[in-house]
Amino acid sequence: MKAADHFRAMRGKSPEEAKFFWSGGPVEVAERTWFQSRFSGVTAFETDEGIVLVDSGMAPLAPALAALLREKTAAPIHTAIFTHGHVDHAFGLTAFLQPGQPEPRIIAQRAILDRFERYERTRRYNAAINARQFGGSAERTQAGEEYDNFRRPELLPDTLFDRDFAFRVGGLEFEIHHCRAETDDHCWVWCPQRSVLCTGDLIINAVPNAGNPQKVQRYPWDWADGLRRIAALAPSSLCPGHGGPVVRDPAKIQRMLIETAEYLEAIVEQTLAALNDGAPPHTDIVHRVEPPASGSPWLQPVYDEAEFIVRNIIRFYGGWWNGRPSELKPASREALAREIAQLCGGGDVLARRARELARSGDLRLACHLADFALECSPEAAEVGDAVAAIYEARAGAEPGLMAENLFRSAACYARERRPFC
């Protein structure tokens, strides 16, 4: 509950007002099938041989999720499926197991083991970037629970597949299909007899998390293809990775799937067209792409956003160089900042001009100058305070949680008198 309360507090919204943060359940989405959510969702299919569990939440919230499920059934966990290896989906399984029961079969796409290995090798890095993403600073991760979150989960998958996997439990059929999307190990689950679809993070009741600035490559083109493949099944109920379920409303589910696919396809097509138009610098491409406008509640930028998705597409197709000649083999940022400050009269002058721009509403430009001011004069308290104020203003103007918290983290760093690094 601590993590869920933290997320809600950062946005200042109740779960009902911000569907991405929906917290509730158990909701019966079909006969003997329940969905419950604490930040991320878990779906349980009760069969005559036990429960088939899709995802397991993050470890700190899993006991609350398991307690919700046990309001409906005492059946043991027969099989668990991880839609992908993120900590909020694959790390809470032990909380669902009954004392003395044998370990369940655990099914996942084969690349999940490589993901867990990356987590082990980059535990401090992942803890630091998550602390930024959720509103803190890197120092908070040195010895806390965030660092431990990136160990391998206690129970690892024992049944791995590449593209598709089908099985039967208690007379109920299940299909699992690989779809690169938010991760390279992502998959979705279909139970045809109950017409229930478990999407994992293919659907999160918000703009797809296909651009996250600090995380590894995402795949919006494959994501869109997967959503169209799912739509062809015409499911009656949908259990998402985040947000509330859609119960026995196939028309709404079709809209959600197709509109989300079209949204991603439009961004991919525009980005590739811009890349093909003479390979301009990456920042120019970002500003050329116009994301589709949508009034649908499931396509609002409350977490990730289109600008970040564009950059992820560029990263996949365009290499690491951003296209600016000076950035191919650049000077250090500190040297550049000091030179610019010398030209204009000092870091305090840069900070003052940055505040003027911020007051005029040009927060994007203000932040560029603020960065240079802090990088050339990190020892100056007045500069750090000015930069922190600018980034707090920038954070307050952002619609999406991800950008908001990264800017709030930048303000934390500025107060500590050091650049965001």
Protein backbone atom coordinates (compact mmCIF):
# COMPACT_ATOMS: atom_id res chain seq x y z
CA MET A 1 0.00 0.00 0.00
CA LYS A 2 2.90 2.38 0.67
CA ALA A 3 3.93 2.48 -2.99
CA ALA A 4 0.37 2.91 -4.24
CA ASP A 5 -0.23 5.77 -1.80
CA HIS A 6 2.99 7.38 -3.01
CA PHE A 7 1.92 7.25 -6.65
CA ARG A 8 -1.47 8.75 -5.88
CA ALA A 9 0.01 11.49 -3.76
CA MET A 10 2.37 12.51 -6.52
CA ARG A 11 -0.52 13.07 -8.86
CA GLY A 12 -2.94 14.42 -6.27
CA LYS A 13 -5.71 12.21 -7.63
CA SER A 14 -7.75 9.32 -6.34
CA PRO A 15 -7.67 6.03 -8.27
CA GLU A 16 -11.14 6.78 -9.64
CA GLU A 17 -9.97 10.11 -11.06
CA ALA A 18 -6.74 8.75 -12.55
CA LYS A 19 -7.54 5.40 -14.17
CA PHE A 20 -3.89 4.47 -14.65
CA PHE A 21 -3.70 4.31 -10.84
CA TRP A 22 -6.95 2.39 -10.37
CA SER A 23 -6.90 0.33 -7.20
CA GLY A 24 -9.63 -2.16 -6.46
CA GLY A 25 -11.12 -5.58 -6.86
CA PRO A 26 -11.73 -8.37 -6.84
CA VAL A 27 -13.85 -7.76 -9.93
CA GLU A 28 -15.49 -10.77 -11.56
CA VAL A 29 -14.67 -10.38 -15.26
CA ALA A 30 -16.07 -13.82 -16.21
CA GLU A 31 -17.22 -16.96 -14.46
CA ARG A 32 -14.72 -17.87 -11.69
CA THR A 33 -12.31 -15.22 -13.00
CA TRP A 34 -11.25 -12.19 -10.94
CA PHE A 35 -9.16 -9.08 -11.51
CA GLN A 36 -7.59 -7.06 -8.72
CA SER A 37 -5.13 -4.16 -8.80
CA ARG A 38 -2.71 -2.40 -6.52
CA PHE A 39 -0.80 -0.15 -8.93
CA SER A 40 -0.56 -3.09 -11.37
CA GLY A 41 -3.20 -5.70 -12.13
CA VAL A 42 -3.41 -9.43 -11.42
CA THR A 43 -5.95 -11.80 -12.99
CA ALA A 44 -6.93 -15.18 -11.52
CA PHE A 45 -8.72 -17.93 -13.47
CA GLU A 46 -10.10 -20.55 -11.10
CA THR A 47 -10.21 -24.03 -12.65
CA ASP A 48 -11.01 -27.50 -11.30
CA GLU A 49 -7.26 -28.10 -10.86
CA GLY A 50 -6.37 -24.78 -9.27
CA ILE A 51 -5.78 -21.15 -10.25
CA VAL A 52 -4.05 -19.88 -13.35
CA LEU A 53 -2.61 -16.54 -12.25
CA VAL A 54 -1.61 -13.87 -14.76
CA ASP A 55 1.04 -11.59 -13.23
CA SER A 56 1.70 -11.19 -9.52
CA GLY A 57 2.24 -7.50 -8.76
CA MET A 58 5.29 -6.01 -7.10
CA ALA A 59 6.57 -7.66 -3.93
CA PRO A 60 5.50 -4.95 -1.43
CA LEU A 61 1.93 -4.85 -2.77
CA ALA A 62 1.44 -8.55 -3.51
CA PRO A 63 0.12 -9.49 -0.03
CA ALA A 64 -2.74 -7.01 -0.46
CA LEU A 65 -3.47 -8.40 -3.93
CA ALA A 66 -3.44 -11.98 -2.63
CA ALA A 67 -5.80 -11.03 0.21
CA LEU A 68 -8.26 -9.63 -2.33
CA LEU A 69 -8.16 -12.83 -4.35
CA ARG A 70 -8.65 -14.98 -1.24
CA GLU A 71 -11.94 -13.18 -0.63
CA LYS A 72 -13.22 -15.22 -3.60
CA THR A 73 -11.32 -18.49 -3.67
CA ALA A 74 -9.04 -20.64 -1.55
CA ALA A 75 -7.85 -22.70 -4.53
CA PRO A 76 -4.08 -23.16 -4.83
CA ILE A 77 -2.01 -21.55 -7.58
CA HIS A 78 -1.55 -24.20 -10.26
CA THR A 79 0.16 -22.09 -12.94
CA ALA A 80 1.51 -18.53 -13.03
CA ILE A 81 2.13 -16.52 -16.19
CA PHE A 82 4.32 -13.42 -16.28
CA THR A 83 3.36 -11.07 -19.10
CA HIS A 84 6.82 -9.54 -18.76
CA GLY A 85 9.62 -9.23 -16.26
CA HIS A 86 9.09 -5.77 -14.77
CA VAL A 87 9.17 -5.60 -10.98
CA ASP A 88 5.49 -4.67 -10.76
CA HIS A 89 4.40 -7.80 -12.63
CA ALA A 90 6.77 -10.68 -11.90
CA PHE A 91 8.05 -10.25 -8.35
CA GLY A 92 5.09 -10.88 -6.03
CA LEU A 93 4.21 -14.52 -6.64
CA THR A 94 5.22 -15.95 -3.25
CA ALA A 95 2.47 -13.93 -1.54
CA PHE A 96 -0.18 -15.91 -3.45
CA LEU A 97 1.09 -19.35 -2.44
CA GLN A 98 -0.52 -21.28 0.40
CA PRO A 99 1.62 -22.82 3.16
CA GLY A 100 3.02 -26.15 2.09
CA GLN A 101 1.77 -26.06 -1.48
CA PRO A 102 4.23 -27.09 -4.19
CA GLU A 103 5.68 -24.37 -6.35
CA PRO A 104 3.44 -23.70 -9.34
CA ARG A 105 4.49 -23.96 -12.93
CA ILE A 106 5.67 -20.50 -14.06
CA ILE A 107 5.44 -19.59 -17.75
CA ALA A 108 7.13 -16.65 -19.47
CA GLN A 109 8.68 -15.60 -22.75
CA ARG A 110 12.28 -16.75 -23.02
CA ALA A 111 13.83 -13.27 -22.98
CA ILE A 112 12.63 -12.72 -19.41
CA LEU A 113 15.72 -14.50 -18.04
CA ASP A 114 18.00 -12.07 -19.87
CA ARG A 115 15.98 -9.24 -18.31
CA PHE A 116 16.52 -10.60 -14.81
CA GLU A 117 20.22 -10.95 -15.56
CA ARG A 118 20.37 -7.29 -16.67
CA TYR A 119 18.64 -6.28 -13.47
CA GLU A 120 21.27 -8.10 -11.41
CA ARG A 121 24.11 -6.43 -13.31
CA THR A 122 22.61 -2.93 -13.11
CA ARG A 123 20.83 -2.93 -9.76
CA ARG A 124 22.17 0.42 -8.56
CA TYR A 125 21.54 2.04 -11.93
CA ASN A 126 17.95 0.81 -12.08
CA ALA A 127 17.33 1.87 -8.50
CA ALA A 128 18.66 5.36 -9.28
CA ILE A 129 16.61 5.90 -12.42
CA ASN A 130 13.47 4.58 -10.76
CA ALA A 131 14.03 6.98 -7.88
CA ARG A 132 14.18 9.80 -10.42
CA GLN A 133 11.16 8.54 -12.34
CA PHE A 134 9.05 8.35 -9.21
CA GLY A 135 10.11 11.66 -7.76
CA GLY A 136 13.29 11.23 -5.72
CA SER A 137 17.03 11.44 -6.26
CA ALA A 138 19.81 8.90 -6.65
CA GLU A 139 21.00 9.17 -3.04
CA ARG A 140 17.73 7.63 -1.82
CA THR A 141 18.60 4.36 -3.55
CA GLN A 142 22.00 3.59 -2.06
CA ALA A 143 20.84 1.23 0.68
CA GLY A 144 17.06 1.20 0.56
CA GLU A 145 14.35 -1.14 -0.62
CA GLU A 146 14.55 0.31 -4.16
CA TYR A 147 17.99 -1.27 -4.53
CA ASP A 148 16.74 -4.68 -3.43
CA ASN A 149 13.82 -4.50 -5.88
CA PHE A 150 16.19 -5.37 -8.72
CA ARG A 151 17.38 -8.73 -7.47
CA ARG A 152 16.03 -11.74 -9.33
CA PRO A 153 12.55 -12.72 -8.11
CA GLU A 154 12.38 -15.58 -5.62
CA LEU A 155 10.54 -17.82 -8.08
CA LEU A 156 11.85 -17.98 -11.64
CA PRO A 157 9.96 -19.25 -14.70
CA ASP A 158 10.45 -22.95 -15.41
CA THR A 159 8.49 -23.05 -18.69
CA LEU A 160 9.84 -20.75 -21.41
CA PHE A 161 8.53 -20.17 -24.92
CA ASP A 162 9.58 -18.18 -27.97
CA ARG A 163 6.55 -17.03 -29.96
CA ASP A 164 3.36 -18.83 -28.89
CA PHE A 165 2.40 -21.28 -26.15
CA ALA A 166 -0.87 -23.10 -25.46
CA PHE A 167 -1.86 -25.28 -22.52
CA ARG A 168 -4.89 -26.62 -20.65
CA VAL A 169 -5.62 -26.64 -16.90
CA GLY A 170 -8.80 -28.05 -15.37
CA GLY A 171 -10.51 -28.22 -18.75
CA LEU A 172 -9.74 -24.56 -19.52
CA GLU A 173 -7.61 -23.57 -22.51
CA PHE A 174 -5.06 -20.77 -22.47
CA GLU A 175 -2.99 -19.17 -25.23
CA ILE A 176 0.08 -17.00 -24.65
CA HIS A 177 1.49 -14.91 -27.48
CA HIS A 178 4.77 -13.02 -27.58
CA CYS A 179 4.58 -9.35 -28.64
CA ARG A 180 7.52 -6.99 -28.32
CA ALA A 181 6.05 -3.82 -26.88
CA GLU A 182 7.01 -2.16 -23.60
CA THR A 183 9.63 -4.90 -23.28
CA ASP A 184 11.28 -7.46 -25.54
CA ASP A 185 9.86 -10.28 -23.36
CA HIS A 186 6.26 -9.07 -23.38
CA CYS A 187 3.31 -11.36 -24.04
CA TRP A 188 -0.47 -11.38 -23.76
CA VAL A 189 -2.83 -14.11 -22.53
CA TRP A 190 -6.13 -15.26 -24.04
CA CYS A 191 -8.68 -17.60 -22.46
CA PRO A 192 -11.15 -18.35 -25.29
CA GLN A 193 -13.74 -20.26 -23.24
CA ARG A 194 -14.21 -17.31 -20.90
CA SER A 195 -13.45 -14.69 -23.57
CA VAL A 196 -11.02 -12.92 -21.25
CA LEU A 197 -7.94 -11.10 -22.48
CA CYS A 198 -5.00 -10.23 -20.23
CA THR A 199 -2.89 -7.63 -21.99
CA GLY A 200 -0.14 -6.94 -19.50
CA ASP A 201 1.16 -3.46 -20.27
CA LEU A 202 -0.08 -3.50 -23.87
CA ILE A 203 -3.04 -1.65 -22.31
CA ILE A 204 -2.52 0.62 -19.28
CA ASN A 205 -5.52 3.00 -19.55
CA ALA A 206 -3.19 5.78 -20.71
CA VAL A 207 -0.88 6.62 -23.63
CA PRO A 208 1.27 3.49 -24.05
CA ASN A 209 4.51 3.44 -22.08
CA ALA A 210 6.47 3.19 -25.31
CA GLY A 211 8.94 6.02 -24.82
CA ASN A 212 10.27 5.99 -21.23
CA PRO A 213 13.40 8.22 -21.45
CA GLN A 214 15.55 6.24 -19.02
CA LYS A 215 14.71 2.67 -19.97
CA VAL A 216 15.81 0.24 -22.66
CA GLN A 217 14.37 0.01 -26.17
CA ARG A 218 10.61 -0.22 -26.67
CA TYR A 219 8.77 -1.35 -29.82
CA PRO A 220 5.68 0.71 -30.75
CA TRP A 221 5.39 -0.78 -34.26
CA ASP A 222 5.20 -4.36 -32.95
CA TRP A 223 2.95 -3.10 -30.18
CA ALA A 224 0.42 -1.79 -32.71
CA ASP A 225 0.51 -5.06 -34.68
CA GLY A 226 -0.15 -7.01 -31.47
CA LEU A 227 -3.14 -4.84 -30.57
CA ARG A 228 -4.69 -5.47 -33.98
CA ARG A 229 -4.10 -9.20 -33.63
CA ILE A 230 -5.84 -9.11 -30.24
CA ALA A 231 -8.77 -7.10 -31.59
CA ALA A 232 -9.48 -9.82 -34.13
CA LEU A 233 -10.37 -12.15 -31.22
CA ALA A 234 -13.21 -9.84 -30.09
CA PRO A 235 -12.74 -10.45 -26.35
CA SER A 236 -15.65 -9.81 -23.99
CA SER A 237 -13.53 -8.72 -21.00
CA LEU A 238 -10.13 -7.06 -20.81
CA CYS A 239 -7.75 -7.15 -17.85
CA PRO A 240 -5.01 -4.51 -18.28
CA GLY A 241 -1.56 -4.12 -16.82
CA HIS A 242 -2.62 -0.89 -15.11
CA GLY A 243 -6.02 0.64 -14.51
CA GLY A 244 -9.40 -0.94 -14.12
CA PRO A 245 -10.79 -3.86 -16.16
CA VAL A 246 -13.37 -3.65 -18.93
CA VAL A 247 -16.05 -6.21 -18.16
CA ARG A 248 -18.36 -7.77 -20.77
CA ASP A 249 -18.11 -4.78 -23.10
CA PRO A 250 -16.59 -6.01 -26.38
CA ALA A 251 -17.44 -2.80 -28.26
CA LYS A 252 -15.47 -0.65 -25.84
CA ILE A 253 -12.57 -3.10 -25.89
CA GLN A 254 -12.45 -2.93 -29.68
CA ARG A 255 -12.28 0.87 -29.50
CA MET A 256 -9.48 0.77 -26.96
CA LEU A 257 -7.41 -1.72 -28.94
CA ILE A 258 -7.86 -0.15 -32.38
CA GLU A 259 -7.52 3.47 -31.25
CA THR A 260 -4.33 2.65 -29.37
CA ALA A 261 -2.93 0.81 -32.40
CA GLU A 262 -3.78 3.76 -34.65
CA TYR A 263 -2.16 6.19 -32.21
CA LEU A 264 1.12 4.26 -32.22
CA GLU A 265 1.05 3.70 -35.98
CA ALA A 266 0.62 7.42 -36.65
CA ILE A 267 3.63 8.31 -34.51
CA VAL A 268 5.77 5.59 -36.09
CA GLU A 269 4.82 6.61 -39.64
CA GLN A 270 5.50 10.30 -39.05
CA THR A 271 8.82 9.63 -37.36
CA LEU A 272 10.06 7.37 -40.15
CA ALA A 273 8.94 9.91 -42.76
CA ALA A 274 10.95 12.60 -40.96
CA LEU A 275 14.00 10.34 -40.70
CA ASN A 276 13.77 9.64 -44.42
CA ASP A 277 13.58 13.36 -45.16
CA GLY A 278 17.33 13.91 -45.18
CA ALA A 279 18.12 12.45 -41.74
CA PRO A 280 17.68 15.75 -39.86
CA PRO A 281 18.88 16.18 -36.26
CA HIS A 282 16.81 14.21 -33.81
CA THR A 283 15.44 17.22 -31.93
CA ASP A 284 14.05 18.61 -35.20
CA ILE A 285 12.24 15.32 -35.82
CA VAL A 286 10.72 15.37 -32.34
CA HIS A 287 9.20 18.78 -33.00
CA ARG A 288 7.93 17.78 -36.46
CA VAL A 289 5.82 14.83 -35.32
CA GLU A 290 2.21 15.66 -34.44
CA PRO A 291 0.66 12.99 -32.22
CA PRO A 292 -3.00 12.18 -32.90
CA ALA A 293 -5.40 14.16 -30.74
CA SER A 294 -7.72 11.96 -28.69
CA GLY A 295 -10.46 12.57 -26.19
CA SER A 296 -10.52 8.92 -25.15
CA PRO A 297 -9.60 8.45 -21.48
CA TRP A 298 -7.32 5.53 -22.35
CA LEU A 299 -5.15 7.72 -24.62
CA GLN A 300 -4.24 10.57 -22.27
CA PRO A 301 -0.56 11.33 -21.49
CA VAL A 302 -0.86 10.80 -17.74
CA TYR A 303 2.32 8.70 -17.57
CA ASP A 304 4.30 8.42 -20.82
CA GLU A 305 3.78 10.73 -23.81
CA ALA A 306 4.18 11.00 -27.57
CA GLU A 307 7.38 13.04 -27.54
CA PHE A 308 9.19 10.27 -25.71
CA ILE A 309 7.77 7.61 -28.06
CA VAL A 310 9.22 9.51 -31.04
CA ARG A 311 12.65 9.43 -29.45
CA ASN A 312 12.42 5.68 -28.88
CA ILE A 313 11.63 5.13 -32.55
CA ILE A 314 14.58 7.31 -33.54
CA ARG A 315 16.84 5.38 -31.18
CA PHE A 316 15.94 2.08 -32.84
CA TYR A 317 16.31 3.27 -36.44
CA GLY A 318 18.74 6.14 -36.10
CA GLY A 319 21.70 5.28 -33.89
CA TRP A 320 23.00 7.15 -30.85
CA TRP A 321 24.27 10.37 -32.48
CA ASN A 322 21.63 13.10 -32.41
CA GLY A 323 22.69 14.60 -35.75
CA ARG A 324 24.20 17.87 -34.46
CA PRO A 325 27.84 18.07 -35.72
CA SER A 326 29.13 19.50 -32.44
CA GLU A 327 27.60 16.57 -30.56
CA LEU A 328 29.49 13.90 -32.51
CA LYS A 329 32.62 14.41 -30.38
CA PRO A 330 31.53 17.10 -27.95
CA ALA A 331 33.37 19.12 -25.37
CA SER A 332 32.50 18.39 -21.77
CA ARG A 333 29.27 19.99 -20.60
CA GLU A 334 31.17 21.78 -17.82
CA ALA A 335 33.58 23.37 -20.30
CA LEU A 336 30.74 24.40 -22.60
CA ALA A 337 28.74 25.85 -19.71
CA ARG A 338 31.71 27.86 -18.46
CA GLU A 339 32.37 29.25 -21.94
CA ILE A 340 28.75 30.30 -22.40
CA ALA A 341 28.71 31.84 -18.92
CA GLN A 342 31.89 33.78 -19.67
CA LEU A 343 30.36 35.15 -22.86
CA CYS A 344 27.21 36.35 -21.13
CA GLY A 345 28.69 37.54 -17.84
CA GLY A 346 28.48 34.58 -15.44
CA GLY A 347 26.28 31.81 -14.15
CA ASP A 348 24.11 34.22 -12.19
CA VAL A 349 23.31 36.07 -15.41
CA LEU A 350 22.29 32.80 -17.07
CA ALA A 351 20.13 31.90 -14.10
CA ARG A 352 18.49 35.32 -14.06
CA ARG A 353 17.66 35.10 -17.78
CA ALA A 354 16.36 31.56 -17.28
CA ARG A 355 13.95 32.82 -14.62
CA GLU A 356 12.77 35.61 -16.92
CA LEU A 357 12.04 33.06 -19.64
CA ALA A 358 10.23 30.84 -17.16
CA ARG A 359 8.06 33.73 -16.00
CA SER A 360 7.21 34.51 -19.63
CA GLY A 361 6.05 30.92 -20.13
CA ASP A 362 8.97 29.60 -22.20
CA LEU A 363 9.92 26.80 -19.83
CA ARG A 364 11.65 24.70 -22.48
CA LEU A 365 14.18 27.43 -23.29
CA ALA A 366 14.47 28.41 -19.64
CA CYS A 367 15.57 24.89 -18.73
CA HIS A 368 18.42 24.95 -21.27
CA LEU A 369 19.85 28.09 -19.70
CA ALA A 370 19.18 26.75 -16.21
CA ASP A 371 21.26 23.66 -16.94
CA PHE A 372 24.21 25.74 -18.16
CA ALA A 373 23.94 28.01 -15.12
CA LEU A 374 24.08 25.09 -12.70
CA GLU A 375 26.84 23.30 -14.61
CA CYS A 376 29.14 26.31 -14.59
CA SER A 377 28.32 27.53 -11.05
CA PRO A 378 27.32 24.52 -8.93
CA GLU A 379 28.78 26.15 -5.82
CA ALA A 380 26.49 29.20 -6.03
CA ALA A 381 23.48 28.79 -3.74
CA GLU A 382 21.43 31.43 -5.54
CA VAL A 383 21.95 29.63 -8.87
CA GLY A 384 20.91 26.27 -7.42
CA ASP A 385 17.80 27.79 -5.87
CA ALA A 386 16.88 29.53 -9.14
CA VAL A 387 17.32 26.34 -11.15
CA ALA A 388 15.29 24.35 -8.62
CA ALA A 389 12.44 26.86 -8.87
CA ILE A 390 12.47 26.63 -12.67
CA TYR A 391 12.30 22.85 -12.65
CA GLU A 392 9.52 22.86 -10.06
CA ALA A 393 7.57 25.15 -12.38
CA ARG A 394 8.33 22.89 -15.32
CA ALA A 395 7.17 19.85 -13.36
CA GLY A 396 3.92 21.55 -12.40
CA ALA A 397 3.13 22.24 -16.05
CA GLU A 398 3.58 18.65 -17.23
CA PRO A 399 0.52 16.41 -17.85
CA GLY A 400 2.44 13.14 -17.56
CA LEU A 401 3.78 11.57 -14.38
CA MET A 402 7.05 10.51 -15.97
CA ALA A 403 8.14 13.96 -17.18
CA GLU A 404 6.76 15.61 -14.05
CA ASN A 405 8.83 13.47 -11.72
CA LEU A 406 12.01 13.67 -13.78
CA PHE A 407 11.74 17.46 -13.61
CA ARG A 408 11.02 17.30 -9.87
CA SER A 409 14.13 15.16 -9.52
CA ALA A 410 16.09 17.82 -11.42
CA ALA A 411 14.88 20.34 -8.83
CA CYS A 412 16.09 18.01 -6.04
CA TYR A 413 19.52 17.80 -7.66
CA ALA A 414 19.68 21.59 -8.09
CA ARG A 415 18.97 22.11 -4.39
CA GLU A 416 21.90 19.78 -3.70
CA ARG A 417 24.04 22.13 -5.82
CA ARG A 418 24.84 19.69 -8.55
CA PRO A 419 23.70 19.02 -12.12
CA PHE A 420 21.23 16.26 -12.93
CA CYS A 421 23.69 13.41 -13.37
